[in-house]
PDB file of N, CA and C in Angstrom:
ATOM      1  N   UNK A   1     -43.906  30.289 -14.229  1.00  0.00           N
ATOM      2  CA  UNK A   1     -42.704  30.765 -14.854  1.00  0.00           C
ATOM      3  C   UNK A   1     -41.571  29.821 -14.479  1.00  0.00           C
ATOM      4  N   UNK A   2     -40.902  29.249 -15.483  1.00  0.00           N
ATOM      5  CA  UNK A   2     -39.816  28.305 -15.268  1.00  0.00           C
ATOM      6  C   UNK A   2     -38.483  29.030 -15.355  1.00  0.00           C
ATOM      7  N   UNK A   3     -37.689  28.919 -14.304  1.00  0.00           N
ATOM      8  CA  UNK A   3     -36.395  29.592 -14.259  1.00  0.00           C
ATOM      9  C   UNK A   3     -35.262  28.674 -14.667  1.00  0.00           C
ATOM     10  N   UNK A   4     -35.529  27.680 -15.462  1.00  0.00           N
ATOM     11  CA  UNK A   4     -34.493  26.776 -15.935  1.00  0.00           C
ATOM     12  C   UNK A   4     -34.257  25.583 -15.028  1.00  0.00           C
ATOM     13  N   UNK A   5     -35.043  25.449 -13.972  1.00  0.00           N
ATOM     14  CA  UNK A   5     -34.897  24.305 -13.076  1.00  0.00           C
ATOM     15  C   UNK A   5     -35.859  23.215 -13.501  1.00  0.00           C
ATOM     16  N   UNK A   6     -35.365  22.010 -13.526  1.00  0.00           N
ATOM     17  CA  UNK A   6     -36.219  20.894 -13.924  1.00  0.00           C
ATOM     18  C   UNK A   6     -36.930  20.262 -12.735  1.00  0.00           C
ATOM     19  N   UNK A   7     -36.709  20.798 -11.538  1.00  0.00           N
ATOM     20  CA  UNK A   7     -37.367  20.262 -10.357  1.00  0.00           C
ATOM     21  C   UNK A   7     -36.522  19.251  -9.611  1.00  0.00           C
ATOM     22  N   UNK A   8     -35.400  18.843 -10.190  1.00  0.00           N
ATOM     23  CA  UNK A   8     -34.538  17.880  -9.507  1.00  0.00           C
ATOM     24  C   UNK A   8     -33.434  18.619  -8.768  1.00  0.00           C
ATOM     25  N   UNK A   9     -32.685  17.884  -7.986  1.00  0.00           N
ATOM     26  CA  UNK A   9     -31.569  18.462  -7.248  1.00  0.00           C
ATOM     27  C   UNK A   9     -30.501  18.977  -8.198  1.00  0.00           C
ATOM     28  N   UNK A  10     -29.902  20.097  -7.835  1.00  0.00           N
ATOM     29  CA  UNK A  10     -28.839  20.662  -8.658  1.00  0.00           C
ATOM     30  C   UNK A  10     -27.459  20.273  -8.161  1.00  0.00           C
ATOM     31  N   UNK A  11     -27.364  19.671  -6.996  1.00  0.00           N
ATOM     32  CA  UNK A  11     -26.066  19.315  -6.452  1.00  0.00           C
ATOM     33  C   UNK A  11     -26.203  18.390  -5.272  1.00  0.00           C
ATOM     34  N   UNK A  12     -25.090  18.155  -4.607  1.00  0.00           N
ATOM     35  CA  UNK A  12     -25.111  17.210  -3.480  1.00  0.00           C
ATOM     36  C   UNK A  12     -25.934  17.693  -2.296  1.00  0.00           C
ATOM     37  N   UNK A  13     -26.079  18.991  -2.103  1.00  0.00           N
ATOM     38  CA  UNK A  13     -26.959  19.514  -1.071  1.00  0.00           C
ATOM     39  C   UNK A  13     -26.345  19.591   0.309  1.00  0.00           C
ATOM     40  N   UNK A  14     -27.229  19.674   1.292  1.00  0.00           N
ATOM     41  CA  UNK A  14     -26.822  19.907   2.669  1.00  0.00           C
ATOM     42  C   UNK A  14     -26.149  18.686   3.288  1.00  0.00           C
ATOM     43  N   UNK A  15     -26.520  17.501   2.846  1.00  0.00           N
ATOM     44  CA  UNK A  15     -25.928  16.287   3.423  1.00  0.00           C
ATOM     45  C   UNK A  15     -24.428  16.223   3.211  1.00  0.00           C
ATOM     46  N   UNK A  16     -23.972  16.570   2.017  1.00  0.00           N
ATOM     47  CA  UNK A  16     -22.535  16.571   1.731  1.00  0.00           C
ATOM     48  C   UNK A  16     -21.832  17.652   2.533  1.00  0.00           C
ATOM     49  N   UNK A  17     -22.459  18.802   2.662  1.00  0.00           N
ATOM     50  CA  UNK A  17     -21.869  19.898   3.440  1.00  0.00           C
ATOM     51  C   UNK A  17     -21.706  19.507   4.903  1.00  0.00           C
ATOM     52  N   UNK A  18     -22.728  18.900   5.471  1.00  0.00           N
ATOM     53  CA  UNK A  18     -22.665  18.474   6.874  1.00  0.00           C
ATOM     54  C   UNK A  18     -21.624  17.368   7.046  1.00  0.00           C
ATOM     55  N   UNK A  19     -21.557  16.443   6.086  1.00  0.00           N
ATOM     56  CA  UNK A  19     -20.559  15.371   6.165  1.00  0.00           C
ATOM     57  C   UNK A  19     -19.141  15.938   6.127  1.00  0.00           C
ATOM     58  N   UNK A  20     -18.903  16.932   5.293  1.00  0.00           N
ATOM     59  CA  UNK A  20     -17.586  17.563   5.232  1.00  0.00           C
ATOM     60  C   UNK A  20     -17.279  18.280   6.538  1.00  0.00           C
ATOM     61  N   UNK A  21     -18.259  18.988   7.090  1.00  0.00           N
ATOM     62  CA  UNK A  21     -18.052  19.679   8.371  1.00  0.00           C
ATOM     63  C   UNK A  21     -17.691  18.700   9.486  1.00  0.00           C
ATOM     64  N   UNK A  22     -18.450  17.627   9.589  1.00  0.00           N
ATOM     65  CA  UNK A  22     -18.208  16.637  10.643  1.00  0.00           C
ATOM     66  C   UNK A  22     -16.863  15.948  10.426  1.00  0.00           C
ATOM     67  N   UNK A  23     -16.559  15.614   9.174  1.00  0.00           N
ATOM     68  CA  UNK A  23     -15.275  14.982   8.876  1.00  0.00           C
ATOM     69  C   UNK A  23     -14.104  15.881   9.240  1.00  0.00           C
ATOM     70  N   UNK A  24     -14.199  17.159   8.893  1.00  0.00           N
ATOM     71  CA  UNK A  24     -13.142  18.105   9.246  1.00  0.00           C
ATOM     72  C   UNK A  24     -13.023  18.257  10.752  1.00  0.00           C
ATOM     73  N   UNK A  25     -14.152  18.294  11.421  1.00  0.00           N
ATOM     74  CA  UNK A  25     -14.159  18.428  12.890  1.00  0.00           C
ATOM     75  C   UNK A  25     -13.470  17.217  13.538  1.00  0.00           C
ATOM     76  N   UNK A  26     -13.791  16.020  13.072  1.00  0.00           N
ATOM     77  CA  UNK A  26     -13.180  14.817  13.640  1.00  0.00           C
ATOM     78  C   UNK A  26     -11.692  14.742  13.319  1.00  0.00           C
ATOM     79  N   UNK A  27     -11.315  15.118  12.091  1.00  0.00           N
ATOM     80  CA  UNK A  27      -9.908  15.106  11.703  1.00  0.00           C
ATOM     81  C   UNK A  27      -9.105  16.090  12.559  1.00  0.00           C
ATOM     82  N   UNK A  28      -9.626  17.288  12.769  1.00  0.00           N
ATOM     83  CA  UNK A  28      -8.960  18.280  13.604  1.00  0.00           C
ATOM     84  C   UNK A  28      -8.856  17.785  15.046  1.00  0.00           C
ATOM     85  N   UNK A  29      -9.903  17.178  15.541  1.00  0.00           N
ATOM     86  CA  UNK A  29      -9.893  16.637  16.900  1.00  0.00           C
ATOM     87  C   UNK A  29      -8.819  15.561  17.051  1.00  0.00           C
ATOM     88  N   UNK A  30      -8.725  14.694  16.068  1.00  0.00           N
ATOM     89  CA  UNK A  30      -7.713  13.642  16.095  1.00  0.00           C
ATOM     90  C   UNK A  30      -6.304  14.225  16.071  1.00  0.00           C
ATOM     91  N   UNK A  31      -6.073  15.220  15.224  1.00  0.00           N
ATOM     92  CA  UNK A  31      -4.752  15.846  15.153  1.00  0.00           C
ATOM     93  C   UNK A  31      -4.384  16.525  16.470  1.00  0.00           C
ATOM     94  N   UNK A  32      -5.337  17.215  17.089  1.00  0.00           N
ATOM     95  CA  UNK A  32      -5.069  17.870  18.378  1.00  0.00           C
ATOM     96  C   UNK A  32      -4.723  16.828  19.431  1.00  0.00           C
ATOM     97  N   UNK A  33      -5.447  15.721  19.449  1.00  0.00           N
ATOM     98  CA  UNK A  33      -5.161  14.674  20.439  1.00  0.00           C
ATOM     99  C   UNK A  33      -3.805  14.016  20.200  1.00  0.00           C
ATOM    100  N   UNK A  34      -3.388  13.908  18.942  1.00  0.00           N
ATOM    101  CA  UNK A  34      -2.083  13.316  18.652  1.00  0.00           C
ATOM    102  C   UNK A  34      -0.935  14.234  19.052  1.00  0.00           C
ATOM    103  N   UNK A  35      -1.136  15.543  18.906  1.00  0.00           N
ATOM    104  CA  UNK A  35      -0.070  16.495  19.212  1.00  0.00           C
ATOM    105  C   UNK A  35      -0.015  16.801  20.708  1.00  0.00           C
ATOM    106  N   UNK A  36      -1.145  17.052  21.313  1.00  0.00           N
ATOM    107  CA  UNK A  36      -1.192  17.447  22.722  1.00  0.00           C
ATOM    108  C   UNK A  36      -1.844  16.327  23.524  1.00  0.00           C
ATOM    109  N   UNK A  37      -1.047  15.368  23.927  1.00  0.00           N
ATOM    110  CA  UNK A  37      -1.588  14.204  24.638  1.00  0.00           C
ATOM    111  C   UNK A  37      -1.449  14.382  26.139  1.00  0.00           C
ATOM    112  N   UNK A  38      -2.409  15.051  26.719  1.00  0.00           N
ATOM    113  CA  UNK A  38      -2.455  15.161  28.178  1.00  0.00           C
ATOM    114  C   UNK A  38      -3.921  15.068  28.599  1.00  0.00           C
ATOM    115  N   UNK A  39      -4.141  14.729  29.864  1.00  0.00           N
ATOM    116  CA  UNK A  39      -5.511  14.597  30.342  1.00  0.00           C
ATOM    117  C   UNK A  39      -6.229  15.938  30.365  1.00  0.00           C
ATOM    118  N   UNK A  40      -5.473  17.015  30.535  1.00  0.00           N
ATOM    119  CA  UNK A  40      -6.074  18.349  30.484  1.00  0.00           C
ATOM    120  C   UNK A  40      -6.644  18.645  29.104  1.00  0.00           C
ATOM    121  N   UNK A  41      -5.888  18.269  28.085  1.00  0.00           N
ATOM    122  CA  UNK A  41      -6.356  18.468  26.712  1.00  0.00           C
ATOM    123  C   UNK A  41      -7.586  17.618  26.430  1.00  0.00           C
ATOM    124  N   UNK A  42      -7.549  16.376  26.873  1.00  0.00           N
ATOM    125  CA  UNK A  42      -8.686  15.484  26.663  1.00  0.00           C
ATOM    126  C   UNK A  42      -9.924  16.031  27.374  1.00  0.00           C
ATOM    127  N   UNK A  43      -9.773  16.499  28.578  1.00  0.00           N
ATOM    128  CA  UNK A  43     -10.894  17.071  29.323  1.00  0.00           C
ATOM    129  C   UNK A  43     -11.448  18.320  28.659  1.00  0.00           C
ATOM    130  N   UNK A  44     -10.549  19.184  28.195  1.00  0.00           N
ATOM    131  CA  UNK A  44     -10.987  20.405  27.509  1.00  0.00           C
ATOM    132  C   UNK A  44     -11.740  20.077  26.221  1.00  0.00           C
ATOM    133  N   UNK A  45     -11.206  19.151  25.454  1.00  0.00           N
ATOM    134  CA  UNK A  45     -11.870  18.774  24.204  1.00  0.00           C
ATOM    135  C   UNK A  45     -13.222  18.104  24.463  1.00  0.00           C
ATOM    136  N   UNK A  46     -13.295  17.278  25.489  1.00  0.00           N
ATOM    137  CA  UNK A  46     -14.571  16.643  25.832  1.00  0.00           C
ATOM    138  C   UNK A  46     -15.597  17.689  26.249  1.00  0.00           C
ATOM    139  N   UNK A  47     -15.147  18.680  27.044  1.00  0.00           N
ATOM    140  CA  UNK A  47     -16.072  19.720  27.499  1.00  0.00           C
ATOM    141  C   UNK A  47     -16.546  20.602  26.347  1.00  0.00           C
ATOM    142  N   UNK A  48     -15.670  20.870  25.388  1.00  0.00           N
ATOM    143  CA  UNK A  48     -16.071  21.742  24.287  1.00  0.00           C
ATOM    144  C   UNK A  48     -16.830  21.006  23.187  1.00  0.00           C
ATOM    145  N   UNK A  49     -16.848  19.685  23.234  1.00  0.00           N
ATOM    146  CA  UNK A  49     -17.545  18.921  22.210  1.00  0.00           C
ATOM    147  C   UNK A  49     -18.841  18.288  22.708  1.00  0.00           C
ATOM    148  N   UNK A  50     -19.286  18.651  23.889  1.00  0.00           N
ATOM    149  CA  UNK A  50     -20.529  18.094  24.433  1.00  0.00           C
ATOM    150  C   UNK A  50     -21.702  18.426  23.519  1.00  0.00           C
ATOM    151  N   UNK A  51     -21.760  19.647  23.019  1.00  0.00           N
ATOM    152  CA  UNK A  51     -22.850  20.038  22.127  1.00  0.00           C
ATOM    153  C   UNK A  51     -22.819  19.221  20.845  1.00  0.00           C
ATOM    154  N   UNK A  52     -21.640  19.001  20.270  1.00  0.00           N
ATOM    155  CA  UNK A  52     -21.528  18.204  19.046  1.00  0.00           C
ATOM    156  C   UNK A  52     -21.972  16.767  19.284  1.00  0.00           C
ATOM    157  N   UNK A  53     -21.610  16.232  20.439  1.00  0.00           N
ATOM    158  CA  UNK A  53     -22.001  14.863  20.768  1.00  0.00           C
ATOM    159  C   UNK A  53     -23.520  14.770  20.911  1.00  0.00           C
ATOM    160  N   UNK A  54     -24.130  15.751  21.560  1.00  0.00           N
ATOM    161  CA  UNK A  54     -25.582  15.750  21.735  1.00  0.00           C
ATOM    162  C   UNK A  54     -26.296  15.901  20.396  1.00  0.00           C
ATOM    163  N   UNK A  55     -25.812  16.782  19.540  1.00  0.00           N
ATOM    164  CA  UNK A  55     -26.424  16.962  18.223  1.00  0.00           C
ATOM    165  C   UNK A  55     -26.301  15.674  17.411  1.00  0.00           C
ATOM    166  N   UNK A  56     -25.151  15.021  17.495  1.00  0.00           N
ATOM    167  CA  UNK A  56     -24.968  13.753  16.796  1.00  0.00           C
ATOM    168  C   UNK A  56     -25.909  12.679  17.305  1.00  0.00           C
ATOM    169  N   UNK A  57     -26.092  12.620  18.621  1.00  0.00           N
ATOM    170  CA  UNK A  57     -27.007  11.628  19.184  1.00  0.00           C
ATOM    171  C   UNK A  57     -28.444  11.892  18.749  1.00  0.00           C
ATOM    172  N   UNK A  58     -28.854  13.160  18.747  1.00  0.00           N
ATOM    173  CA  UNK A  58     -30.209  13.501  18.318  1.00  0.00           C
ATOM    174  C   UNK A  58     -30.384  13.189  16.837  1.00  0.00           C
ATOM    175  N   UNK A  59     -29.355  13.467  16.034  1.00  0.00           N
ATOM    176  CA  UNK A  59     -29.437  13.219  14.594  1.00  0.00           C
ATOM    177  C   UNK A  59     -29.514  11.720  14.290  1.00  0.00           C
ATOM    178  N   UNK A  60     -28.868  10.906  15.089  1.00  0.00           N
ATOM    179  CA  UNK A  60     -28.870   9.466  14.856  1.00  0.00           C
ATOM    180  C   UNK A  60     -30.043   8.752  15.529  1.00  0.00           C
ATOM    181  N   UNK A  61     -30.706   9.411  16.462  1.00  0.00           N
ATOM    182  CA  UNK A  61     -31.799   8.790  17.201  1.00  0.00           C
ATOM    183  C   UNK A  61     -32.976   8.439  16.287  1.00  0.00           C
ATOM    184  N   UNK A  62     -33.336   9.351  15.391  1.00  0.00           N
ATOM    185  CA  UNK A  62     -34.465   9.114  14.491  1.00  0.00           C
ATOM    186  C   UNK A  62     -34.263   7.892  13.598  1.00  0.00           C
ATOM    187  N   UNK A  63     -33.163   7.836  12.825  1.00  0.00           N
ATOM    188  CA  UNK A  63     -32.939   6.653  11.989  1.00  0.00           C
ATOM    189  C   UNK A  63     -32.792   5.361  12.799  1.00  0.00           C
ATOM    190  N   UNK A  64     -32.177   5.442  13.977  1.00  0.00           N
ATOM    191  CA  UNK A  64     -32.027   4.240  14.803  1.00  0.00           C
ATOM    192  C   UNK A  64     -33.395   3.740  15.273  1.00  0.00           C
ATOM    193  N   UNK A  65     -34.257   4.642  15.658  1.00  0.00           N
ATOM    194  CA  UNK A  65     -35.599   4.263  16.092  1.00  0.00           C
ATOM    195  C   UNK A  65     -36.403   3.688  14.935  1.00  0.00           C
ATOM    196  N   UNK A  66     -36.269   4.279  13.769  1.00  0.00           N
ATOM    197  CA  UNK A  66     -36.948   3.766  12.586  1.00  0.00           C
ATOM    198  C   UNK A  66     -36.465   2.353  12.240  1.00  0.00           C
ATOM    199  N   UNK A  67     -35.163   2.142  12.304  1.00  0.00           N
ATOM    200  CA  UNK A  67     -34.584   0.835  12.005  1.00  0.00           C
ATOM    201  C   UNK A  67     -35.067  -0.216  13.004  1.00  0.00           C
ATOM    202  N   UNK A  68     -35.096   0.146  14.295  1.00  0.00           N
ATOM    203  CA  UNK A  68     -35.569  -0.770  15.333  1.00  0.00           C
ATOM    204  C   UNK A  68     -37.035  -1.148  15.092  1.00  0.00           C
ATOM    205  N   UNK A  69     -37.854  -0.161  14.757  1.00  0.00           N
ATOM    206  CA  UNK A  69     -39.267  -0.421  14.511  1.00  0.00           C
ATOM    207  C   UNK A  69     -39.448  -1.294  13.275  1.00  0.00           C
ATOM    208  N   UNK A  70     -38.632  -1.068  12.240  1.00  0.00           N
ATOM    209  CA  UNK A  70     -38.704  -1.865  11.024  1.00  0.00           C
ATOM    210  C   UNK A  70     -38.392  -3.328  11.312  1.00  0.00           C
ATOM    211  N   UNK A  71     -37.360  -3.584  12.087  1.00  0.00           N
ATOM    212  CA  UNK A  71     -36.996  -4.954  12.431  1.00  0.00           C
ATOM    213  C   UNK A  71     -38.088  -5.603  13.275  1.00  0.00           C
ATOM    214  N   UNK A  72     -38.636  -4.847  14.219  1.00  0.00           N
ATOM    215  CA  UNK A  72     -39.710  -5.376  15.055  1.00  0.00           C
ATOM    216  C   UNK A  72     -40.949  -5.721  14.233  1.00  0.00           C
ATOM    217  N   UNK A  73     -41.303  -4.874  13.273  1.00  0.00           N
ATOM    218  CA  UNK A  73     -42.471  -5.133  12.429  1.00  0.00           C
ATOM    219  C   UNK A  73     -42.225  -6.316  11.490  1.00  0.00           C
ATOM    220  N   UNK A  74     -41.010  -6.467  10.985  1.00  0.00           N
ATOM    221  CA  UNK A  74     -40.708  -7.619  10.133  1.00  0.00           C
ATOM    222  C   UNK A  74     -40.811  -8.916  10.918  1.00  0.00           C
ATOM    223  N   UNK A  75     -40.348  -8.895  12.168  1.00  0.00           N
ATOM    224  CA  UNK A  75     -40.448 -10.081  13.018  1.00  0.00           C
ATOM    225  C   UNK A  75     -41.919 -10.424  13.262  1.00  0.00           C
ATOM    226  N   UNK A  76     -42.725  -9.427  13.545  1.00  0.00           N
ATOM    227  CA  UNK A  76     -44.155  -9.634  13.794  1.00  0.00           C
ATOM    228  C   UNK A  76     -44.853 -10.160  12.533  1.00  0.00           C
ATOM    229  N   UNK A  77     -44.485  -9.619  11.376  1.00  0.00           N
ATOM    230  CA  UNK A  77     -45.068 -10.073  10.109  1.00  0.00           C
ATOM    231  C   UNK A  77     -44.737 -11.535   9.862  1.00  0.00           C
ATOM    232  N   UNK A  78     -43.479 -11.905  10.125  1.00  0.00           N
ATOM    233  CA  UNK A  78     -43.066 -13.303   9.954  1.00  0.00           C
ATOM    234  C   UNK A  78     -43.869 -14.216  10.881  1.00  0.00           C
ATOM    235  N   UNK A  79     -44.085 -13.801  12.122  1.00  0.00           N
ATOM    236  CA  UNK A  79     -44.869 -14.595  13.066  1.00  0.00           C
ATOM    237  C   UNK A  79     -46.317 -14.747  12.584  1.00  0.00           C
ATOM    238  N   UNK A  80     -46.898 -13.659  12.088  1.00  0.00           N
ATOM    239  CA  UNK A  80     -48.280 -13.724  11.614  1.00  0.00           C
ATOM    240  C   UNK A  80     -48.398 -14.608  10.383  1.00  0.00           C
ATOM    241  N   UNK A  81     -47.436 -14.530   9.473  1.00  0.00           N
ATOM    242  CA  UNK A  81     -47.471 -15.399   8.294  1.00  0.00           C
ATOM    243  C   UNK A  81     -47.314 -16.861   8.684  1.00  0.00           C
ATOM    244  N   UNK A  82     -46.422 -17.133   9.622  1.00  0.00           N
ATOM    245  CA  UNK A  82     -46.228 -18.504  10.075  1.00  0.00           C
ATOM    246  C   UNK A  82     -47.506 -19.022  10.729  1.00  0.00           C
ATOM    247  N   UNK A  83     -48.157 -18.206  11.537  1.00  0.00           N
ATOM    248  CA  UNK A  83     -49.395 -18.628  12.202  1.00  0.00           C
ATOM    249  C   UNK A  83     -50.527 -18.815  11.198  1.00  0.00           C
ATOM    250  N   UNK A  84     -50.538 -18.008  10.142  1.00  0.00           N
ATOM    251  CA  UNK A  84     -51.594 -18.115   9.151  1.00  0.00           C
ATOM    252  C   UNK A  84     -51.477 -19.395   8.329  1.00  0.00           C
ATOM    253  N   UNK A  85     -50.277 -19.788   7.989  1.00  0.00           N
ATOM    254  CA  UNK A  85     -50.076 -20.942   7.106  1.00  0.00           C
ATOM    255  C   UNK A  85     -49.766 -22.228   7.857  1.00  0.00           C
ATOM    256  N   UNK A  86     -49.752 -22.178   9.156  1.00  0.00           N
ATOM    257  CA  UNK A  86     -49.482 -23.385   9.931  1.00  0.00           C
ATOM    258  C   UNK A  86     -50.732 -24.263   9.925  1.00  0.00           C
ATOM    259  N   UNK A  87     -50.586 -25.475   9.453  1.00  0.00           N
ATOM    260  CA  UNK A  87     -51.718 -26.403   9.353  1.00  0.00           C
ATOM    261  C   UNK A  87     -51.475 -27.539  10.338  1.00  0.00           C
ATOM    262  N   UNK A  88     -52.456 -27.740  11.195  1.00  0.00           N
ATOM    263  CA  UNK A  88     -52.327 -28.830  12.154  1.00  0.00           C
ATOM    264  C   UNK A  88     -52.670 -30.142  11.476  1.00  0.00           C
ATOM    265  N   UNK A  89     -52.078 -31.195  11.925  1.00  0.00           N
ATOM    266  CA  UNK A  89     -52.346 -32.519  11.378  1.00  0.00           C
ATOM    267  C   UNK A  89     -53.633 -33.040  12.000  1.00  0.00           C
ATOM    268  N   UNK A  90     -54.733 -32.976  11.258  1.00  0.00           N
ATOM    269  CA  UNK A  90     -56.047 -33.371  11.801  1.00  0.00           C
ATOM    270  C   UNK A  90     -56.211 -34.875  11.872  1.00  0.00           C
ATOM    271  N   UNK A  91     -55.487 -35.634  11.055  1.00  0.00           N
ATOM    272  CA  UNK A  91     -55.605 -37.094  11.066  1.00  0.00           C
ATOM    273  C   UNK A  91     -55.090 -37.674  12.373  1.00  0.00           C
ATOM    274  N   UNK A  92     -54.032 -37.145  12.884  1.00  0.00           N
ATOM    275  CA  UNK A  92     -53.451 -37.676  14.126  1.00  0.00           C
ATOM    276  C   UNK A  92     -54.306 -37.319  15.341  1.00  0.00           C
ATOM    277  N   UNK A  93     -54.969 -36.182  15.307  1.00  0.00           N
ATOM    278  CA  UNK A  93     -55.758 -35.787  16.465  1.00  0.00           C
ATOM    279  C   UNK A  93     -57.062 -36.545  16.564  1.00  0.00           C
ATOM    280  N   UNK A  94     -57.529 -37.149  15.482  1.00  0.00           N
ATOM    281  CA  UNK A  94     -58.779 -37.911  15.519  1.00  0.00           C
ATOM    282  C   UNK A  94     -58.589 -39.291  16.147  1.00  0.00           C
ATOM    283  N   UNK A  95     -57.434 -39.875  16.021  1.00  0.00           N
ATOM    284  CA  UNK A  95     -57.226 -41.241  16.510  1.00  0.00           C
ATOM    285  C   UNK A  95     -56.905 -41.269  17.936  1.00  0.00           C
TER     286      UNK A  95
END
């Protein structure tokens, strides 16, 4: 039974929602730091944002690890291709 959905996305989804949440959170944090500039405020904000920082690190860890592995595999592929097509000069080694 088809409910009128073609199987594709109907909107921007969760990624846009999370981006708006994080953007609003950072904007509010910046405004608070601009208005209340004291070390007590900075300490309080750092203590209350530890969870956000940890979630951000966990969220970025996966793509960063994937990117690192991709670069490492490309380097290895280049080395293997170079080793495969490297031809030694046999004429010079005979003399």
